[in-house]
Structure formats: C-alpha cells, structure tokens
Amino acid sequence: MILIGIGGNLRSPRFGPPIDTLSAALAALEAEHIKILTRSGWYRTEPVPRSEQPWFINAVVSLETQLGAKELLMLLQAMERRFGRVRVRPNAPRVLDLDILDYQGERMDTPSLVLPHPRLHQRRFVLIPIAEIAPDWRHPILGLTAQQLLARLSSEQQVVRLPC
C-alpha cells in the first residue's frame, strides 16, 4: 500500500481555495498515470506546530504506481512547484503539500526521503484519514494501526471532517 498525505492552506491564484487546489492536484496525479485507489474525506486541521497561519485542508489517498519511492517523491515535489509551492522555511503556509507517508512498508533514511514519514505517528491530521481508508494498515516500524497510534496522542490538535 502506498499512502500519500495531501494538504494546503493557501489560496491558489489558478485553482482557488485549498479544497479546489487539492482536487486539481489529485486529477493531475491521475494524469501522470498514478491510480488513486481511495481518498479519505477532507479534514480542516489546525497548523502543526500551532501558529497564526490559516488552517489546512488535509486528506490521505492510497495509490498505485509503477514509480519507485524516490521517483514518486520527485514527481510529487515537481507537482508542488507547478501548483505554486515555494519552500521558504519548514511549516510555512503552502498552496500544496504532498507527502509520501508509507510506500509499501519500505524503510528508507536518505537525505531526500525518510520512510515511513518520520512524524506520521504524531499527527492526528494524518492518522484519522488513514484509519478511515485503511483500517488494517500498520506502521512499518511501530507495528501499530492508525487507531492504536491515535489512542496514544492527546486530542489537542483540532481535526474536523468536512461534509462530503
């Protein structure tokens, strides 16, 4: 199973509000011959770490691709740039964020890619959508399901499912 986190909190001049930008990004992934198998609902989430920037819209998708993990990462980063993302500093507001959360259970630790995503087990905005679309998924290192990982976290971080 390949899991990708998708999110954004800035309006795109080309696509409009974050949810429209994220929908356009999913369509762009499919145009790149990446098959989206499932998508969670959309969630409105507060920034992590907390800040005064706008809240995010987030989801998780499972997908199928012939690309390896590093090639997929390069495609996702190129897509972020095409959609207007500019990396100025960590945790800055952004038009589009595409993160590989898990790539078929692979473990990798390189300067450009760490798998599984090193903070996914600490983020409610990732674990709640994973639990929604892949209840049997287990963290490749910790061996726990998304529900079990959620039970370990405080409920401080606000995550609100948007109506369909």
Protein backbone atom coordinates (compact mmCIF):
# COMPACT_ATOMS: atom_id res chain seq x y z
CA MET A 1 0.00 0.00 0.00
CA ILE A 2 1.24 3.47 -0.89
CA LEU A 3 -0.19 6.29 1.23
CA ILE A 4 0.17 9.96 0.35
CA GLY A 5 -0.82 12.90 2.52
CA ILE A 6 -2.24 15.88 0.65
CA GLY A 7 -2.86 19.29 2.14
CA GLY A 8 -2.72 23.03 1.76
CA ASN A 9 -3.79 26.21 3.47
CA LEU A 10 -3.28 28.97 0.90
CA ARG A 11 -5.49 30.03 -1.95
CA SER A 12 -4.07 29.27 -5.38
CA PRO A 13 -4.30 32.06 -7.97
CA ARG A 14 -5.02 29.39 -10.59
CA PHE A 15 -7.29 26.93 -8.75
CA GLY A 16 -8.86 28.98 -5.95
CA PRO A 17 -9.46 27.83 -2.36
CA PRO A 18 -7.40 24.96 -0.91
CA ILE A 19 -10.02 22.26 -1.42
CA ASP A 20 -10.26 23.11 -5.15
CA THR A 21 -6.47 23.15 -5.43
CA LEU A 22 -6.20 19.76 -3.73
CA SER A 23 -8.86 18.29 -6.02
CA ALA A 24 -6.95 19.63 -9.03
CA ALA A 25 -3.75 18.09 -7.67
CA LEU A 26 -5.41 14.68 -7.42
CA ALA A 27 -6.58 15.00 -11.03
CA ALA A 28 -3.02 15.98 -12.03
CA LEU A 29 -1.67 12.86 -10.30
CA GLU A 30 -4.03 10.69 -12.31
CA ALA A 31 -2.90 12.49 -15.49
CA GLU A 32 0.62 11.28 -14.58
CA HIS A 33 -0.63 7.65 -14.69
CA ILE A 34 -0.90 7.35 -10.93
CA LYS A 35 -4.03 5.45 -9.99
CA ILE A 36 -5.80 6.76 -6.91
CA LEU A 37 -7.41 3.80 -5.21
CA THR A 38 -9.11 5.53 -2.26
CA ARG A 39 -9.32 9.02 -0.80
CA SER A 40 -10.31 9.90 2.73
CA GLY A 41 -12.73 12.67 3.44
CA TRP A 42 -11.43 16.23 3.58
CA TYR A 43 -10.42 17.48 7.01
CA ARG A 44 -9.97 21.03 8.30
CA THR A 45 -6.95 20.97 10.59
CA GLU A 46 -5.04 23.43 12.67
CA PRO A 47 -1.39 24.08 11.76
CA VAL A 48 1.31 21.93 13.37
CA PRO A 49 3.02 23.43 15.23
CA ARG A 50 0.29 25.87 16.22
CA SER A 51 0.59 29.27 14.59
CA GLU A 52 -1.44 32.18 13.30
CA GLN A 53 -1.41 30.91 9.72
CA PRO A 54 -4.67 29.70 8.12
CA TRP A 55 -5.94 26.23 8.96
CA PHE A 56 -5.24 23.44 6.47
CA ILE A 57 -7.40 21.19 4.39
CA ASN A 58 -5.95 17.64 4.50
CA ALA A 59 -6.70 14.15 3.23
CA VAL A 60 -4.89 10.87 2.65
CA VAL A 61 -5.00 8.83 -0.54
CA SER A 62 -3.89 5.32 -1.32
CA LEU A 63 -2.49 4.89 -4.77
CA GLU A 64 -0.90 2.58 -7.28
CA THR A 65 2.11 3.48 -9.41
CA GLN A 66 4.96 1.87 -11.29
CA LEU A 67 7.31 4.53 -9.89
CA GLY A 68 9.72 3.70 -7.11
CA ALA A 69 9.60 5.72 -3.90
CA LYS A 70 12.34 8.20 -4.91
CA GLU A 71 10.84 8.72 -8.39
CA LEU A 72 7.42 9.26 -6.84
CA LEU A 73 8.89 11.83 -4.46
CA MET A 74 10.48 13.72 -7.38
CA LEU A 75 7.12 13.73 -9.22
CA LEU A 76 5.26 14.97 -6.12
CA GLN A 77 7.77 17.76 -5.49
CA ALA A 78 7.65 18.83 -9.15
CA MET A 79 3.85 18.93 -8.90
CA GLU A 80 4.03 21.06 -5.74
CA ARG A 81 6.21 23.56 -7.62
CA ARG A 82 3.87 23.53 -10.64
CA PHE A 83 1.00 24.36 -8.31
CA GLY A 84 2.92 27.30 -6.85
CA ARG A 85 4.55 25.96 -3.72
CA VAL A 86 7.65 27.86 -2.67
CA ARG A 87 9.70 26.34 0.14
CA VAL A 88 10.90 29.18 2.36
CA ARG A 89 11.05 27.52 5.76
CA PRO A 90 9.69 24.41 7.48
CA ASN A 91 5.99 24.50 8.40
CA ALA A 92 5.34 27.62 6.30
CA PRO A 93 1.90 28.19 4.76
CA ARG A 94 1.59 26.48 1.37
CA VAL A 95 -0.64 26.06 -1.62
CA LEU A 96 0.03 22.32 -1.89
CA ASP A 97 1.83 19.73 0.22
CA LEU A 98 2.23 16.14 -1.00
CA ASP A 99 3.97 13.73 1.38
CA ILE A 100 4.75 10.05 0.99
CA LEU A 101 3.55 8.60 4.29
CA ASP A 102 4.19 4.93 3.56
CA TYR A 103 5.48 3.21 0.45
CA GLN A 104 4.57 -0.48 0.66
CA GLY A 105 6.10 -0.75 4.11
CA GLU A 106 9.57 0.20 2.87
CA ARG A 107 12.06 1.64 5.31
CA MET A 108 14.40 4.29 3.98
CA ASP A 109 16.51 7.01 5.55
CA THR A 110 18.23 9.22 3.00
CA PRO A 111 18.77 12.99 2.91
CA SER A 112 15.88 13.36 0.45
CA LEU A 113 13.43 10.72 1.70
CA VAL A 114 12.62 9.04 5.01
CA LEU A 115 10.12 6.17 5.01
CA PRO A 116 7.79 5.78 6.68
CA HIS A 117 7.22 9.52 7.10
CA PRO A 118 9.12 10.33 10.30
CA ARG A 119 6.27 12.23 12.00
CA LEU A 120 3.16 10.47 10.74
CA HIS A 121 2.65 8.66 14.06
CA GLN A 122 2.49 12.06 15.84
CA ARG A 123 -0.11 13.74 13.62
CA ARG A 124 -3.82 13.34 14.10
CA PHE A 125 -4.46 15.04 10.75
CA VAL A 126 -2.70 12.09 9.08
CA LEU A 127 -3.77 9.22 11.31
CA ILE A 128 -7.51 9.98 11.27
CA PRO A 129 -7.72 9.83 7.44
CA ILE A 130 -5.51 6.73 7.32
CA ALA A 131 -7.82 5.00 9.81
CA GLU A 132 -10.75 5.97 7.57
CA ILE A 133 -9.40 4.47 4.34
CA ALA A 134 -7.05 1.75 5.58
CA PRO A 135 -8.17 0.44 8.98
CA ASP A 136 -5.86 -2.60 8.71
CA TRP A 137 -2.75 -0.57 7.84
CA ARG A 138 0.11 -0.90 10.31
CA HIS A 139 3.02 1.45 10.85
CA PRO A 140 6.02 -0.32 9.24
CA ILE A 141 8.30 0.26 12.23
CA LEU A 142 5.97 0.52 15.22
CA GLY A 143 3.62 -2.26 14.07
CA LEU A 144 0.55 -0.38 15.33
CA THR A 145 -2.60 0.53 13.41
CA ALA A 146 -3.63 4.15 12.86
CA GLN A 147 -6.33 3.71 15.55
CA GLN A 148 -3.77 2.41 18.04
CA LEU A 149 -1.41 5.30 17.25
CA LEU A 150 -4.28 7.79 17.63
CA ALA A 151 -5.07 6.38 21.07
CA ARG A 152 -1.54 7.37 22.15
CA LEU A 153 -1.96 11.03 21.13
CA SER A 154 -3.62 13.83 23.02
CA SER A 155 -6.72 15.21 21.37
CA GLU A 156 -5.35 18.75 21.47
CA GLN A 157 -4.83 19.08 17.74
CA GLN A 158 -8.12 20.05 16.12
CA VAL A 159 -9.17 17.87 13.17
CA VAL A 160 -12.69 18.39 11.80
CA ARG A 161 -14.13 16.29 8.98
CA LEU A 162 -15.75 18.43 6.32
CA PRO A 163 -19.14 17.49 4.87
CA CYS A 164 -18.84 15.48 1.65
